[in-house]
N, C-alpha and C. Protein backbone atom coordinates (compact mmCIF):
# COMPACT_ATOMS: atom_id res chain seq x y z
N ALA A 1 73.71 -26.79 3.42
CA ALA A 1 73.63 -25.39 3.03
C ALA A 1 72.24 -25.07 2.46
N ALA A 2 71.72 -25.98 1.63
CA ALA A 2 70.39 -25.75 1.06
C ALA A 2 69.32 -25.68 2.14
N ASN A 3 69.48 -26.49 3.19
CA ASN A 3 68.52 -26.48 4.29
C ASN A 3 68.54 -25.14 5.01
N HIS A 4 69.73 -24.57 5.22
CA HIS A 4 69.84 -23.27 5.88
C HIS A 4 69.22 -22.17 5.03
N VAL A 5 69.44 -22.21 3.72
CA VAL A 5 68.86 -21.20 2.85
C VAL A 5 67.34 -21.28 2.88
N THR A 6 66.81 -22.50 2.82
CA THR A 6 65.35 -22.67 2.77
C THR A 6 64.69 -22.23 4.08
N GLN A 7 65.36 -22.46 5.19
CA GLN A 7 64.74 -22.16 6.48
C GLN A 7 65.07 -20.77 7.02
N LEU A 8 66.15 -20.16 6.53
CA LEU A 8 66.54 -18.85 7.06
C LEU A 8 66.23 -17.70 6.10
N LEU A 9 66.31 -17.94 4.80
CA LEU A 9 66.13 -16.86 3.83
C LEU A 9 64.79 -16.94 3.09
N VAL A 10 64.42 -18.13 2.66
CA VAL A 10 63.20 -18.30 1.87
C VAL A 10 61.95 -17.82 2.62
N PRO A 11 61.80 -18.03 3.95
CA PRO A 11 60.57 -17.56 4.62
C PRO A 11 60.28 -16.08 4.43
N PHE A 12 61.31 -15.25 4.25
CA PHE A 12 61.04 -13.83 4.03
C PHE A 12 60.32 -13.59 2.70
N LEU A 13 60.49 -14.51 1.75
CA LEU A 13 59.82 -14.37 0.45
C LEU A 13 58.33 -14.65 0.54
N LEU A 14 57.87 -15.23 1.65
CA LEU A 14 56.44 -15.47 1.81
C LEU A 14 55.65 -14.17 1.87
N PHE A 15 56.32 -13.08 2.20
CA PHE A 15 55.64 -11.79 2.33
C PHE A 15 55.74 -10.95 1.05
N THR A 16 56.30 -11.53 0.00
CA THR A 16 56.41 -10.84 -1.28
C THR A 16 55.17 -11.12 -2.13
N PRO A 17 54.97 -10.35 -3.20
CA PRO A 17 53.80 -10.58 -4.06
C PRO A 17 53.87 -11.94 -4.75
N GLN A 18 52.72 -12.36 -5.25
CA GLN A 18 52.63 -13.58 -6.05
C GLN A 18 53.22 -13.32 -7.44
N PRO A 19 53.81 -14.32 -8.08
CA PRO A 19 53.90 -15.74 -7.70
C PRO A 19 55.13 -16.10 -6.88
N VAL A 20 55.91 -15.08 -6.47
CA VAL A 20 57.13 -15.37 -5.72
C VAL A 20 56.79 -16.03 -4.39
N ALA A 21 55.74 -15.55 -3.73
CA ALA A 21 55.35 -16.11 -2.43
C ALA A 21 54.97 -17.58 -2.57
N SER A 22 54.25 -17.92 -3.64
CA SER A 22 53.86 -19.33 -3.84
C SER A 22 55.08 -20.20 -4.11
N ALA A 23 56.02 -19.70 -4.87
CA ALA A 23 57.24 -20.47 -5.14
C ALA A 23 58.03 -20.70 -3.85
N ALA A 24 58.10 -19.67 -3.00
CA ALA A 24 58.80 -19.82 -1.72
C ALA A 24 58.09 -20.84 -0.84
N ALA A 25 56.76 -20.80 -0.82
CA ALA A 25 56.00 -21.77 -0.03
C ALA A 25 56.21 -23.18 -0.54
N GLY A 26 56.29 -23.34 -1.86
CA GLY A 26 56.54 -24.66 -2.43
C GLY A 26 57.88 -25.22 -2.01
N LEU A 27 58.92 -24.37 -1.99
CA LEU A 27 60.23 -24.81 -1.55
C LEU A 27 60.20 -25.23 -0.08
N MET A 28 59.46 -24.47 0.74
CA MET A 28 59.38 -24.81 2.16
C MET A 28 58.65 -26.14 2.36
N VAL A 29 57.59 -26.37 1.58
CA VAL A 29 56.85 -27.63 1.71
C VAL A 29 57.75 -28.81 1.34
N LEU A 30 58.50 -28.69 0.24
CA LEU A 30 59.39 -29.76 -0.17
C LEU A 30 60.46 -30.04 0.89
N THR A 31 61.01 -28.97 1.48
CA THR A 31 62.02 -29.15 2.52
C THR A 31 61.44 -29.84 3.73
N GLN A 32 60.23 -29.45 4.14
CA GLN A 32 59.62 -30.06 5.30
C GLN A 32 59.25 -31.52 5.04
N LEU A 33 58.82 -31.84 3.83
CA LEU A 33 58.53 -33.24 3.51
C LEU A 33 59.79 -34.09 3.57
N TRP A 34 60.91 -33.52 3.16
CA TRP A 34 62.18 -34.24 3.27
C TRP A 34 62.52 -34.49 4.74
N LEU A 35 62.27 -33.50 5.59
CA LEU A 35 62.54 -33.68 7.02
C LEU A 35 61.59 -34.70 7.63
N VAL A 36 60.36 -34.76 7.13
CA VAL A 36 59.41 -35.77 7.62
C VAL A 36 59.93 -37.17 7.32
N LEU A 37 60.50 -37.35 6.14
CA LEU A 37 60.99 -38.67 5.75
C LEU A 37 62.29 -39.05 6.44
N SER A 38 63.05 -38.06 6.88
CA SER A 38 64.39 -38.34 7.41
C SER A 38 64.54 -38.09 8.91
N GLY A 39 63.50 -37.59 9.57
CA GLY A 39 63.64 -37.26 10.99
C GLY A 39 62.40 -37.58 11.79
N ASN A 40 62.51 -37.45 13.11
CA ASN A 40 61.40 -37.66 14.04
C ASN A 40 61.12 -36.36 14.78
N PHE A 41 60.40 -35.45 14.14
CA PHE A 41 60.12 -34.16 14.74
C PHE A 41 58.64 -34.00 15.06
N ALA A 42 57.96 -35.13 15.33
CA ALA A 42 56.54 -35.12 15.70
C ALA A 42 55.74 -34.34 14.66
N TRP A 43 54.91 -33.39 15.13
CA TRP A 43 54.03 -32.65 14.22
C TRP A 43 54.64 -31.31 13.80
N LEU A 44 55.88 -31.03 14.20
CA LEU A 44 56.49 -29.73 13.91
C LEU A 44 56.51 -29.44 12.41
N ASN A 45 56.95 -30.41 11.61
CA ASN A 45 57.03 -30.19 10.16
C ASN A 45 55.65 -29.99 9.54
N TRP A 46 54.65 -30.71 10.04
CA TRP A 46 53.31 -30.58 9.47
C TRP A 46 52.71 -29.22 9.79
N LEU A 47 53.03 -28.64 10.95
CA LEU A 47 52.57 -27.29 11.25
C LEU A 47 53.17 -26.29 10.27
N THR A 48 54.47 -26.46 9.98
CA THR A 48 55.13 -25.57 9.02
C THR A 48 54.53 -25.72 7.63
N ILE A 49 54.22 -26.96 7.24
CA ILE A 49 53.61 -27.20 5.93
C ILE A 49 52.24 -26.53 5.85
N ALA A 50 51.46 -26.61 6.92
CA ALA A 50 50.13 -25.99 6.92
C ALA A 50 50.24 -24.48 6.74
N LEU A 51 51.21 -23.86 7.42
CA LEU A 51 51.40 -22.41 7.27
C LEU A 51 51.85 -22.05 5.86
N ALA A 52 52.75 -22.86 5.30
CA ALA A 52 53.24 -22.57 3.95
C ALA A 52 52.13 -22.73 2.92
N LEU A 53 51.29 -23.72 3.07
CA LEU A 53 50.19 -23.94 2.11
C LEU A 53 49.21 -22.77 2.10
N SER A 54 49.08 -22.10 3.23
CA SER A 54 48.14 -20.97 3.29
C SER A 54 48.60 -19.79 2.45
N VAL A 55 49.87 -19.78 2.04
CA VAL A 55 50.41 -18.68 1.24
C VAL A 55 50.26 -18.92 -0.25
N ILE A 56 50.13 -20.18 -0.65
CA ILE A 56 50.07 -20.52 -2.07
C ILE A 56 48.79 -19.96 -2.70
N ASP A 57 48.95 -19.39 -3.87
CA ASP A 57 47.82 -18.83 -4.62
C ASP A 57 47.15 -19.95 -5.41
N TRP A 58 45.94 -20.34 -4.99
CA TRP A 58 45.21 -21.43 -5.63
C TRP A 58 44.22 -20.95 -6.67
N THR A 59 44.15 -19.66 -6.93
CA THR A 59 43.14 -19.13 -7.84
C THR A 59 43.24 -19.69 -9.26
N PRO A 60 44.45 -19.98 -9.79
CA PRO A 60 44.48 -20.57 -11.13
C PRO A 60 43.76 -21.92 -11.22
N LEU A 61 43.71 -22.65 -10.10
CA LEU A 61 43.03 -23.94 -10.09
C LEU A 61 41.55 -23.81 -9.77
N ALA A 62 41.19 -22.75 -9.05
CA ALA A 62 39.80 -22.59 -8.61
C ALA A 62 38.96 -21.79 -9.60
N GLY A 63 39.58 -21.18 -10.61
CA GLY A 63 38.82 -20.38 -11.55
C GLY A 63 38.72 -18.94 -11.09
N PRO A 64 37.95 -18.13 -11.79
CA PRO A 64 37.83 -16.71 -11.41
C PRO A 64 37.18 -16.57 -10.04
N PRO A 65 37.67 -15.66 -9.21
CA PRO A 65 37.09 -15.49 -7.87
C PRO A 65 35.72 -14.84 -7.94
N PRO A 66 34.85 -15.14 -6.97
CA PRO A 66 33.52 -14.52 -6.96
C PRO A 66 33.63 -13.04 -6.62
N ALA A 67 32.60 -12.34 -6.92
CA ALA A 67 32.56 -10.91 -6.60
C ALA A 67 32.62 -10.72 -5.10
N GLN A 68 33.50 -9.83 -4.69
CA GLN A 68 33.70 -9.59 -3.26
C GLN A 68 32.85 -8.42 -2.79
N THR A 69 32.32 -8.58 -1.59
CA THR A 69 31.56 -7.50 -0.96
C THR A 69 32.31 -7.04 0.28
N ALA A 70 32.08 -5.82 0.65
CA ALA A 70 32.75 -5.25 1.82
C ALA A 70 32.30 -5.98 3.08
N PRO A 71 33.24 -6.33 3.98
CA PRO A 71 32.84 -7.01 5.23
C PRO A 71 32.02 -6.09 6.11
N PRO A 72 31.17 -6.66 6.96
CA PRO A 72 30.36 -5.82 7.85
C PRO A 72 31.23 -5.09 8.87
N LEU A 73 30.66 -4.02 9.40
CA LEU A 73 31.41 -3.17 10.32
C LEU A 73 31.82 -3.93 11.59
N TRP A 74 30.94 -4.79 12.10
CA TRP A 74 31.25 -5.52 13.33
C TRP A 74 32.46 -6.43 13.13
N TYR A 75 32.61 -7.00 11.92
CA TYR A 75 33.74 -7.88 11.65
C TYR A 75 35.05 -7.09 11.65
N GLU A 76 35.05 -5.91 11.05
CA GLU A 76 36.25 -5.08 11.03
C GLU A 76 36.64 -4.66 12.45
N VAL A 77 35.64 -4.35 13.28
CA VAL A 77 35.93 -3.96 14.66
C VAL A 77 36.58 -5.11 15.42
N VAL A 78 36.07 -6.34 15.24
CA VAL A 78 36.63 -7.51 15.92
C VAL A 78 38.06 -7.76 15.46
N VAL A 79 38.31 -7.67 14.16
CA VAL A 79 39.66 -7.89 13.65
C VAL A 79 40.64 -6.87 14.20
N ILE A 80 40.25 -5.61 14.22
CA ILE A 80 41.12 -4.55 14.75
C ILE A 80 41.39 -4.78 16.24
N ALA A 81 40.36 -5.17 16.99
CA ALA A 81 40.52 -5.38 18.43
C ALA A 81 41.47 -6.55 18.71
N VAL A 82 41.29 -7.67 17.99
CA VAL A 82 42.15 -8.83 18.18
C VAL A 82 43.59 -8.51 17.78
N THR A 83 43.75 -7.78 16.67
CA THR A 83 45.09 -7.39 16.23
C THR A 83 45.78 -6.52 17.27
N ALA A 84 45.05 -5.55 17.82
CA ALA A 84 45.62 -4.69 18.85
C ALA A 84 46.00 -5.49 20.09
N LEU A 85 45.17 -6.48 20.47
CA LEU A 85 45.47 -7.30 21.64
C LEU A 85 46.75 -8.11 21.43
N VAL A 86 46.90 -8.71 20.23
CA VAL A 86 48.09 -9.49 19.94
C VAL A 86 49.34 -8.60 19.95
N LEU A 87 49.23 -7.39 19.41
CA LEU A 87 50.38 -6.48 19.40
C LEU A 87 50.80 -6.12 20.83
N VAL A 88 49.82 -5.88 21.69
CA VAL A 88 50.14 -5.54 23.08
C VAL A 88 50.80 -6.71 23.79
N LEU A 89 50.24 -7.92 23.60
CA LEU A 89 50.79 -9.10 24.25
C LEU A 89 52.13 -9.51 23.65
N SER A 90 52.44 -9.03 22.46
CA SER A 90 53.69 -9.40 21.81
C SER A 90 54.86 -8.55 22.26
N TYR A 91 54.61 -7.49 23.04
CA TYR A 91 55.69 -6.58 23.40
C TYR A 91 56.79 -7.27 24.19
N ARG A 92 56.42 -7.96 25.27
CA ARG A 92 57.44 -8.61 26.10
C ARG A 92 58.14 -9.76 25.39
N PRO A 93 57.42 -10.65 24.65
CA PRO A 93 58.14 -11.67 23.89
C PRO A 93 59.09 -11.09 22.86
N ALA A 94 58.68 -10.01 22.18
CA ALA A 94 59.57 -9.39 21.19
C ALA A 94 60.79 -8.77 21.86
N ARG A 95 60.58 -8.15 23.02
CA ARG A 95 61.72 -7.58 23.74
C ARG A 95 62.67 -8.67 24.21
N ASN A 96 62.12 -9.83 24.57
CA ASN A 96 62.96 -10.94 25.01
C ASN A 96 63.82 -11.48 23.87
N LEU A 97 63.29 -11.44 22.63
CA LEU A 97 64.02 -11.98 21.50
C LEU A 97 65.32 -11.24 21.24
N VAL A 98 65.37 -9.96 21.57
CA VAL A 98 66.57 -9.16 21.31
C VAL A 98 67.38 -8.90 22.58
N SER A 99 66.97 -9.46 23.70
CA SER A 99 67.70 -9.24 24.94
C SER A 99 68.89 -10.19 25.05
N ARG A 100 69.84 -9.83 25.89
CA ARG A 100 71.01 -10.68 26.08
C ARG A 100 70.69 -11.88 26.96
N ARG A 101 69.68 -11.78 27.79
CA ARG A 101 69.27 -12.89 28.65
C ARG A 101 67.94 -13.44 28.14
N GLN A 102 68.01 -14.07 27.00
CA GLN A 102 66.81 -14.58 26.36
C GLN A 102 66.28 -15.81 27.09
N ALA A 103 65.03 -15.80 27.43
CA ALA A 103 64.39 -16.92 28.12
C ALA A 103 63.47 -17.63 27.14
N MET A 104 63.97 -18.69 26.53
CA MET A 104 63.19 -19.39 25.50
C MET A 104 62.02 -20.15 26.14
N ASN A 105 60.91 -20.14 25.41
CA ASN A 105 59.72 -20.93 25.77
C ASN A 105 59.15 -20.57 27.14
N ARG A 106 59.36 -19.34 27.59
CA ARG A 106 58.77 -18.93 28.88
C ARG A 106 57.44 -18.24 28.62
N SER A 107 56.45 -18.59 29.40
CA SER A 107 55.13 -18.01 29.22
C SER A 107 55.08 -16.62 29.82
N TYR A 108 54.59 -15.66 29.04
CA TYR A 108 54.49 -14.29 29.50
C TYR A 108 53.07 -13.87 29.84
N ASP A 109 52.14 -14.73 29.58
CA ASP A 109 50.76 -14.35 29.81
C ASP A 109 49.98 -15.55 30.34
N PRO A 110 49.15 -15.38 31.37
CA PRO A 110 48.40 -16.52 31.92
C PRO A 110 47.52 -17.22 30.89
N LEU A 111 47.09 -16.49 29.87
CA LEU A 111 46.23 -17.09 28.85
C LEU A 111 47.03 -17.84 27.80
N HIS A 112 48.35 -17.73 27.81
CA HIS A 112 49.22 -18.43 26.85
C HIS A 112 48.83 -18.12 25.41
N LEU A 113 48.53 -16.85 25.13
CA LEU A 113 48.15 -16.45 23.78
C LEU A 113 49.37 -16.10 22.92
N VAL A 114 50.33 -15.42 23.50
CA VAL A 114 51.50 -14.97 22.76
C VAL A 114 52.74 -15.31 23.58
N ASN A 115 53.65 -16.05 23.00
CA ASN A 115 54.87 -16.44 23.70
C ASN A 115 56.02 -16.50 22.72
N THR A 116 57.23 -16.42 23.25
CA THR A 116 58.38 -16.70 22.40
C THR A 116 58.38 -18.19 22.08
N TYR A 117 59.05 -18.55 21.00
CA TYR A 117 59.01 -19.94 20.57
C TYR A 117 60.37 -20.32 20.00
N GLY A 118 60.89 -21.45 20.44
CA GLY A 118 62.12 -21.97 19.87
C GLY A 118 62.09 -23.47 19.90
N ALA A 119 62.03 -24.09 18.72
CA ALA A 119 61.97 -25.55 18.69
C ALA A 119 63.27 -26.16 19.18
N PHE A 120 64.39 -25.60 18.75
CA PHE A 120 65.70 -26.09 19.15
C PHE A 120 66.55 -24.88 19.52
N GLY A 121 66.39 -24.40 20.76
CA GLY A 121 67.16 -23.24 21.18
C GLY A 121 68.65 -23.48 21.13
N SER A 122 69.06 -24.65 21.53
CA SER A 122 70.48 -25.03 21.46
C SER A 122 70.55 -26.56 21.44
N ILE A 123 71.54 -27.07 20.74
CA ILE A 123 71.75 -28.51 20.64
C ILE A 123 73.17 -28.82 21.08
N SER A 124 73.32 -29.71 22.05
CA SER A 124 74.64 -30.09 22.53
C SER A 124 75.29 -31.08 21.57
N ARG A 125 76.61 -31.05 21.50
CA ARG A 125 77.33 -31.96 20.63
C ARG A 125 77.34 -33.38 21.19
N MET A 126 77.29 -33.51 22.50
CA MET A 126 77.27 -34.82 23.15
C MET A 126 75.93 -35.00 23.86
N ARG A 127 75.30 -36.14 23.64
CA ARG A 127 74.02 -36.42 24.27
C ARG A 127 74.19 -37.51 25.31
N LEU A 128 73.86 -37.19 26.56
CA LEU A 128 73.88 -38.16 27.64
C LEU A 128 72.51 -38.82 27.73
N GLU A 129 72.50 -40.07 28.17
CA GLU A 129 71.26 -40.81 28.27
C GLU A 129 71.05 -41.32 29.70
N VAL A 130 69.82 -41.21 30.18
CA VAL A 130 69.44 -41.76 31.47
C VAL A 130 69.02 -43.22 31.25
N VAL A 131 69.67 -44.15 31.92
CA VAL A 131 69.36 -45.56 31.82
C VAL A 131 68.52 -45.96 33.03
N VAL A 132 67.35 -46.52 32.78
CA VAL A 132 66.44 -46.94 33.85
C VAL A 132 66.54 -48.45 33.99
N GLU A 133 66.90 -48.90 35.17
CA GLU A 133 67.07 -50.34 35.44
C GLU A 133 66.27 -50.75 36.68
N GLY A 134 65.97 -52.01 36.75
CA GLY A 134 65.30 -52.58 37.91
C GLY A 134 65.96 -53.89 38.30
N CYS A 135 65.65 -54.35 39.52
CA CYS A 135 66.25 -55.58 40.02
C CYS A 135 65.19 -56.37 40.80
N ALA A 136 65.09 -57.65 40.50
CA ALA A 136 64.12 -58.50 41.18
C ALA A 136 64.68 -59.09 42.46
N ASP A 137 65.98 -58.96 42.71
CA ASP A 137 66.60 -59.50 43.92
C ASP A 137 66.34 -58.58 45.11
N PRO A 138 66.38 -59.12 46.33
CA PRO A 138 66.19 -58.29 47.51
C PRO A 138 67.30 -57.23 47.63
N VAL A 139 67.00 -56.17 48.35
CA VAL A 139 67.98 -55.11 48.57
C VAL A 139 69.16 -55.66 49.36
N GLY A 140 70.36 -55.38 48.91
CA GLY A 140 71.57 -55.84 49.57
C GLY A 140 72.03 -57.22 49.15
N HIS A 141 71.30 -57.84 48.21
CA HIS A 141 71.67 -59.19 47.76
C HIS A 141 72.94 -59.14 46.93
N GLU A 142 73.91 -59.97 47.26
CA GLU A 142 75.15 -60.02 46.50
C GLU A 142 74.92 -60.66 45.13
N GLY A 143 75.54 -60.08 44.12
CA GLY A 143 75.37 -60.57 42.76
C GLY A 143 74.01 -60.27 42.18
N ALA A 144 73.39 -59.16 42.63
CA ALA A 144 72.07 -58.80 42.13
C ALA A 144 72.14 -58.50 40.63
N GLU A 145 71.12 -58.92 39.93
CA GLU A 145 71.06 -58.73 38.48
C GLU A 145 70.14 -57.55 38.15
N TRP A 146 70.72 -56.53 37.54
CA TRP A 146 69.95 -55.35 37.14
C TRP A 146 69.62 -55.45 35.66
N ARG A 147 68.35 -55.20 35.33
CA ARG A 147 67.88 -55.28 33.95
C ARG A 147 67.40 -53.90 33.49
N GLU A 148 67.69 -53.62 32.24
CA GLU A 148 67.39 -52.29 31.71
C GLU A 148 66.02 -52.27 31.04
N TYR A 149 65.25 -51.22 31.33
CA TYR A 149 64.00 -50.98 30.63
C TYR A 149 64.30 -50.36 29.27
N GLY A 150 63.56 -50.79 28.26
CA GLY A 150 63.74 -50.27 26.91
C GLY A 150 62.65 -49.27 26.55
N PHE A 151 63.04 -48.19 25.88
CA PHE A 151 62.10 -47.17 25.45
C PHE A 151 61.81 -47.36 23.96
N ARG A 152 60.72 -46.79 23.51
CA ARG A 152 60.31 -46.98 22.13
C ARG A 152 61.22 -46.23 21.15
N GLY A 153 61.55 -45.00 21.48
CA GLY A 153 62.33 -44.21 20.53
C GLY A 153 63.63 -43.66 21.08
N LYS A 154 63.74 -43.55 22.40
CA LYS A 154 64.95 -42.98 23.01
C LYS A 154 66.16 -43.86 22.69
N PRO A 155 67.31 -43.26 22.39
CA PRO A 155 68.51 -44.07 22.13
C PRO A 155 68.82 -45.01 23.29
N GLY A 156 69.12 -46.25 22.95
CA GLY A 156 69.44 -47.26 23.95
C GLY A 156 70.41 -48.27 23.39
N ASP A 157 69.90 -49.41 23.01
CA ASP A 157 70.73 -50.46 22.43
C ASP A 157 71.32 -49.97 21.10
N PRO A 158 72.65 -49.86 20.99
CA PRO A 158 73.25 -49.37 19.72
C PRO A 158 73.02 -50.31 18.55
N ARG A 159 72.59 -51.54 18.81
CA ARG A 159 72.33 -52.47 17.72
C ARG A 159 70.93 -52.30 17.12
N ARG A 160 70.11 -51.50 17.75
CA ARG A 160 68.75 -51.28 17.27
C ARG A 160 68.71 -50.12 16.29
N LEU A 161 68.09 -50.32 15.15
CA LEU A 161 67.96 -49.26 14.16
C LEU A 161 66.96 -48.21 14.65
N PRO A 162 67.21 -46.93 14.37
CA PRO A 162 66.24 -45.88 14.75
C PRO A 162 64.90 -46.12 14.06
N ARG A 163 63.83 -45.86 14.78
CA ARG A 163 62.49 -46.06 14.24
C ARG A 163 61.83 -44.71 13.96
N LEU A 164 60.89 -44.72 13.04
CA LEU A 164 60.19 -43.50 12.64
C LEU A 164 58.81 -43.48 13.29
N PHE A 165 58.53 -42.45 14.09
CA PHE A 165 57.26 -42.34 14.81
C PHE A 165 56.46 -41.11 14.38
N ALA A 166 57.09 -40.12 13.77
CA ALA A 166 56.39 -38.89 13.41
C ALA A 166 55.22 -39.20 12.48
N PRO A 167 54.09 -38.48 12.59
CA PRO A 167 53.89 -37.29 13.43
C PRO A 167 53.51 -37.58 14.88
N TYR A 168 53.50 -38.85 15.30
CA TYR A 168 53.22 -39.15 16.71
C TYR A 168 54.37 -38.66 17.58
N HIS A 169 54.02 -38.12 18.75
CA HIS A 169 55.02 -37.54 19.64
C HIS A 169 55.21 -38.45 20.85
N LEU A 170 56.39 -39.09 20.95
CA LEU A 170 56.71 -39.92 22.12
C LEU A 170 57.14 -38.99 23.26
N ARG A 171 56.17 -38.56 24.01
CA ARG A 171 56.43 -37.52 25.01
C ARG A 171 57.37 -38.01 26.12
N LEU A 172 57.20 -39.25 26.58
CA LEU A 172 58.07 -39.76 27.64
C LEU A 172 59.52 -39.82 27.15
N ASP A 173 59.75 -40.34 25.96
CA ASP A 173 61.10 -40.41 25.42
C ASP A 173 61.69 -39.02 25.26
N TRP A 174 60.86 -38.07 24.86
CA TRP A 174 61.31 -36.68 24.69
C TRP A 174 61.69 -36.07 26.04
N MET A 175 60.90 -36.35 27.07
CA MET A 175 61.20 -35.81 28.40
C MET A 175 62.44 -36.46 29.00
N MET A 176 62.73 -37.69 28.64
CA MET A 176 63.94 -38.35 29.12
C MET A 176 65.19 -37.65 28.59
N TRP A 177 65.09 -37.07 27.41
CA TRP A 177 66.21 -36.31 26.86
C TRP A 177 66.53 -35.12 27.76
N PHE A 178 65.49 -34.41 28.20
CA PHE A 178 65.69 -33.26 29.07
C PHE A 178 66.14 -33.68 30.46
N ALA A 179 65.69 -34.84 30.91
CA ALA A 179 66.12 -35.34 32.21
C ALA A 179 67.63 -35.55 32.25
N ALA A 180 68.21 -35.94 31.11
CA ALA A 180 69.66 -36.13 31.05
C ALA A 180 70.39 -34.81 31.00
N LEU A 181 69.74 -33.75 30.51
CA LEU A 181 70.39 -32.45 30.45
C LEU A 181 70.53 -31.82 31.83
N SER A 182 69.49 -31.97 32.65
CA SER A 182 69.52 -31.38 33.99
C SER A 182 68.48 -32.08 34.87
N PRO A 183 68.84 -32.44 36.11
CA PRO A 183 67.85 -33.06 37.01
C PRO A 183 66.65 -32.16 37.28
N ALA A 184 66.83 -30.85 37.12
CA ALA A 184 65.72 -29.94 37.39
C ALA A 184 64.54 -30.19 36.45
N TYR A 185 64.82 -30.63 35.22
CA TYR A 185 63.75 -30.89 34.27
C TYR A 185 62.90 -32.10 34.67
N ALA A 186 63.47 -33.00 35.46
CA ALA A 186 62.77 -34.25 35.79
C ALA A 186 62.29 -34.29 37.23
N ARG A 187 62.45 -33.20 37.95
CA ARG A 187 62.15 -33.22 39.38
C ARG A 187 60.69 -33.54 39.67
N SER A 188 59.79 -33.09 38.81
CA SER A 188 58.36 -33.23 39.11
C SER A 188 57.76 -34.55 38.64
N TRP A 189 58.43 -35.29 37.75
CA TRP A 189 57.79 -36.46 37.17
C TRP A 189 58.63 -37.74 37.21
N PHE A 190 59.96 -37.64 37.32
CA PHE A 190 60.78 -38.84 37.22
C PHE A 190 60.59 -39.75 38.44
N GLY A 191 60.47 -39.17 39.62
CA GLY A 191 60.22 -39.98 40.82
C GLY A 191 58.93 -40.77 40.73
N PRO A 192 57.80 -40.11 40.43
CA PRO A 192 56.55 -40.88 40.24
C PRO A 192 56.65 -41.92 39.13
N PHE A 193 57.41 -41.63 38.08
CA PHE A 193 57.58 -42.58 36.99
C PHE A 193 58.24 -43.87 37.48
N THR A 194 59.32 -43.76 38.25
CA THR A 194 60.00 -44.96 38.75
C THR A 194 59.13 -45.68 39.78
N GLU A 195 58.33 -44.94 40.54
CA GLU A 195 57.42 -45.59 41.49
C GLU A 195 56.39 -46.44 40.76
N ARG A 196 55.89 -45.94 39.62
CA ARG A 196 54.93 -46.73 38.85
C ARG A 196 55.58 -47.99 38.28
N LEU A 197 56.85 -47.90 37.95
CA LEU A 197 57.55 -49.11 37.47
C LEU A 197 57.67 -50.14 38.58
N LEU A 198 57.95 -49.68 39.80
CA LEU A 198 58.05 -50.61 40.93
C LEU A 198 56.70 -51.22 41.28
N GLU A 199 55.63 -50.52 40.93
CA GLU A 199 54.28 -51.04 41.17
C GLU A 199 53.78 -51.90 40.02
N GLY A 200 54.52 -51.90 38.91
CA GLY A 200 54.07 -52.66 37.74
C GLY A 200 52.84 -52.06 37.10
N ASP A 201 52.72 -50.73 37.14
CA ASP A 201 51.55 -50.06 36.59
C ASP A 201 51.45 -50.32 35.08
N ARG A 202 50.32 -50.84 34.63
CA ARG A 202 50.17 -51.24 33.23
C ARG A 202 50.21 -50.04 32.29
N ASP A 203 49.55 -48.94 32.66
CA ASP A 203 49.53 -47.77 31.79
C ASP A 203 50.93 -47.21 31.59
N THR A 204 51.74 -47.24 32.64
CA THR A 204 53.11 -46.75 32.51
C THR A 204 53.95 -47.69 31.66
N LEU A 205 53.77 -48.98 31.84
CA LEU A 205 54.55 -49.96 31.07
C LEU A 205 54.21 -49.90 29.58
N ARG A 206 52.99 -49.47 29.26
CA ARG A 206 52.62 -49.37 27.84
C ARG A 206 53.41 -48.28 27.14
N LEU A 207 53.93 -47.33 27.88
CA LEU A 207 54.73 -46.26 27.28
C LEU A 207 56.13 -46.72 26.90
N LEU A 208 56.53 -47.86 27.40
CA LEU A 208 57.89 -48.36 27.16
C LEU A 208 57.92 -49.33 25.99
N GLY A 209 59.12 -49.54 25.47
CA GLY A 209 59.28 -50.49 24.38
C GLY A 209 59.59 -51.89 24.86
N HIS A 210 60.16 -52.02 26.06
CA HIS A 210 60.53 -53.34 26.57
C HIS A 210 60.45 -53.34 28.08
N ASN A 211 59.76 -54.33 28.63
CA ASN A 211 59.67 -54.52 30.08
C ASN A 211 60.48 -55.76 30.45
N PRO A 212 61.60 -55.59 31.15
CA PRO A 212 62.44 -56.76 31.48
C PRO A 212 61.88 -57.62 32.61
N PHE A 213 60.72 -57.23 33.15
CA PHE A 213 60.11 -58.00 34.24
C PHE A 213 58.66 -58.34 33.86
N PRO A 214 58.48 -59.26 32.92
CA PRO A 214 57.11 -59.59 32.47
C PRO A 214 56.30 -60.35 33.50
N ASP A 215 56.97 -61.05 34.44
CA ASP A 215 56.25 -61.88 35.41
C ASP A 215 55.85 -61.12 36.66
N GLY A 216 56.33 -59.91 36.85
CA GLY A 216 56.02 -59.15 38.04
C GLY A 216 56.97 -57.99 38.19
N PRO A 217 56.57 -56.95 38.93
CA PRO A 217 57.44 -55.77 39.06
C PRO A 217 58.70 -56.09 39.85
N PRO A 218 59.76 -55.30 39.66
CA PRO A 218 61.01 -55.53 40.40
C PRO A 218 60.87 -55.09 41.85
N ARG A 219 61.82 -55.53 42.66
CA ARG A 219 61.83 -55.14 44.07
C ARG A 219 62.55 -53.82 44.29
N GLN A 220 63.45 -53.48 43.39
CA GLN A 220 64.21 -52.23 43.52
C GLN A 220 64.62 -51.72 42.15
């Protein structure tokens, strides 16, 4: 419940006057640090921490602020122009957020400047896993022995304790999760991935946690 309050209600306090905004930012930083210690969310938590820290009022620590001068006219023109551009590019993503057919993480602009964003649009209660195996025996051999490739972070052997990799992002393990959700997610890369395993490609094998064929690539 505290996590929901901190992530759903407290962010609105960031737009309130000080010192309320700083207190809200402090709560968000503490929550994100807890998630860093207890989860593997790559750099997501650190991005949130960086945004929250920008709201904290540091003037009590820095002393009295220097005398401020009015910004030059060219700077104001650039800020207004960039703001107007972002507002224009935000129209379609904002309309998508309130539509019934919401398309999460779809790019609306070739420059990729403004897009909708959802870290976890939906989470299934049951997680299926794609198991990658190889065999050193010839094709059609009776009693062929299939050996499983091990990944660094993807769930596999239930006897292995989960490991902490954040803020490093295990992209291959992350993509394997989507491959189990739908074959469409893996259509462009899973075939070449298995071909590299059959070739014994060293760069590909470095992405894995365990290679069951240390003496040479499998035949199938």
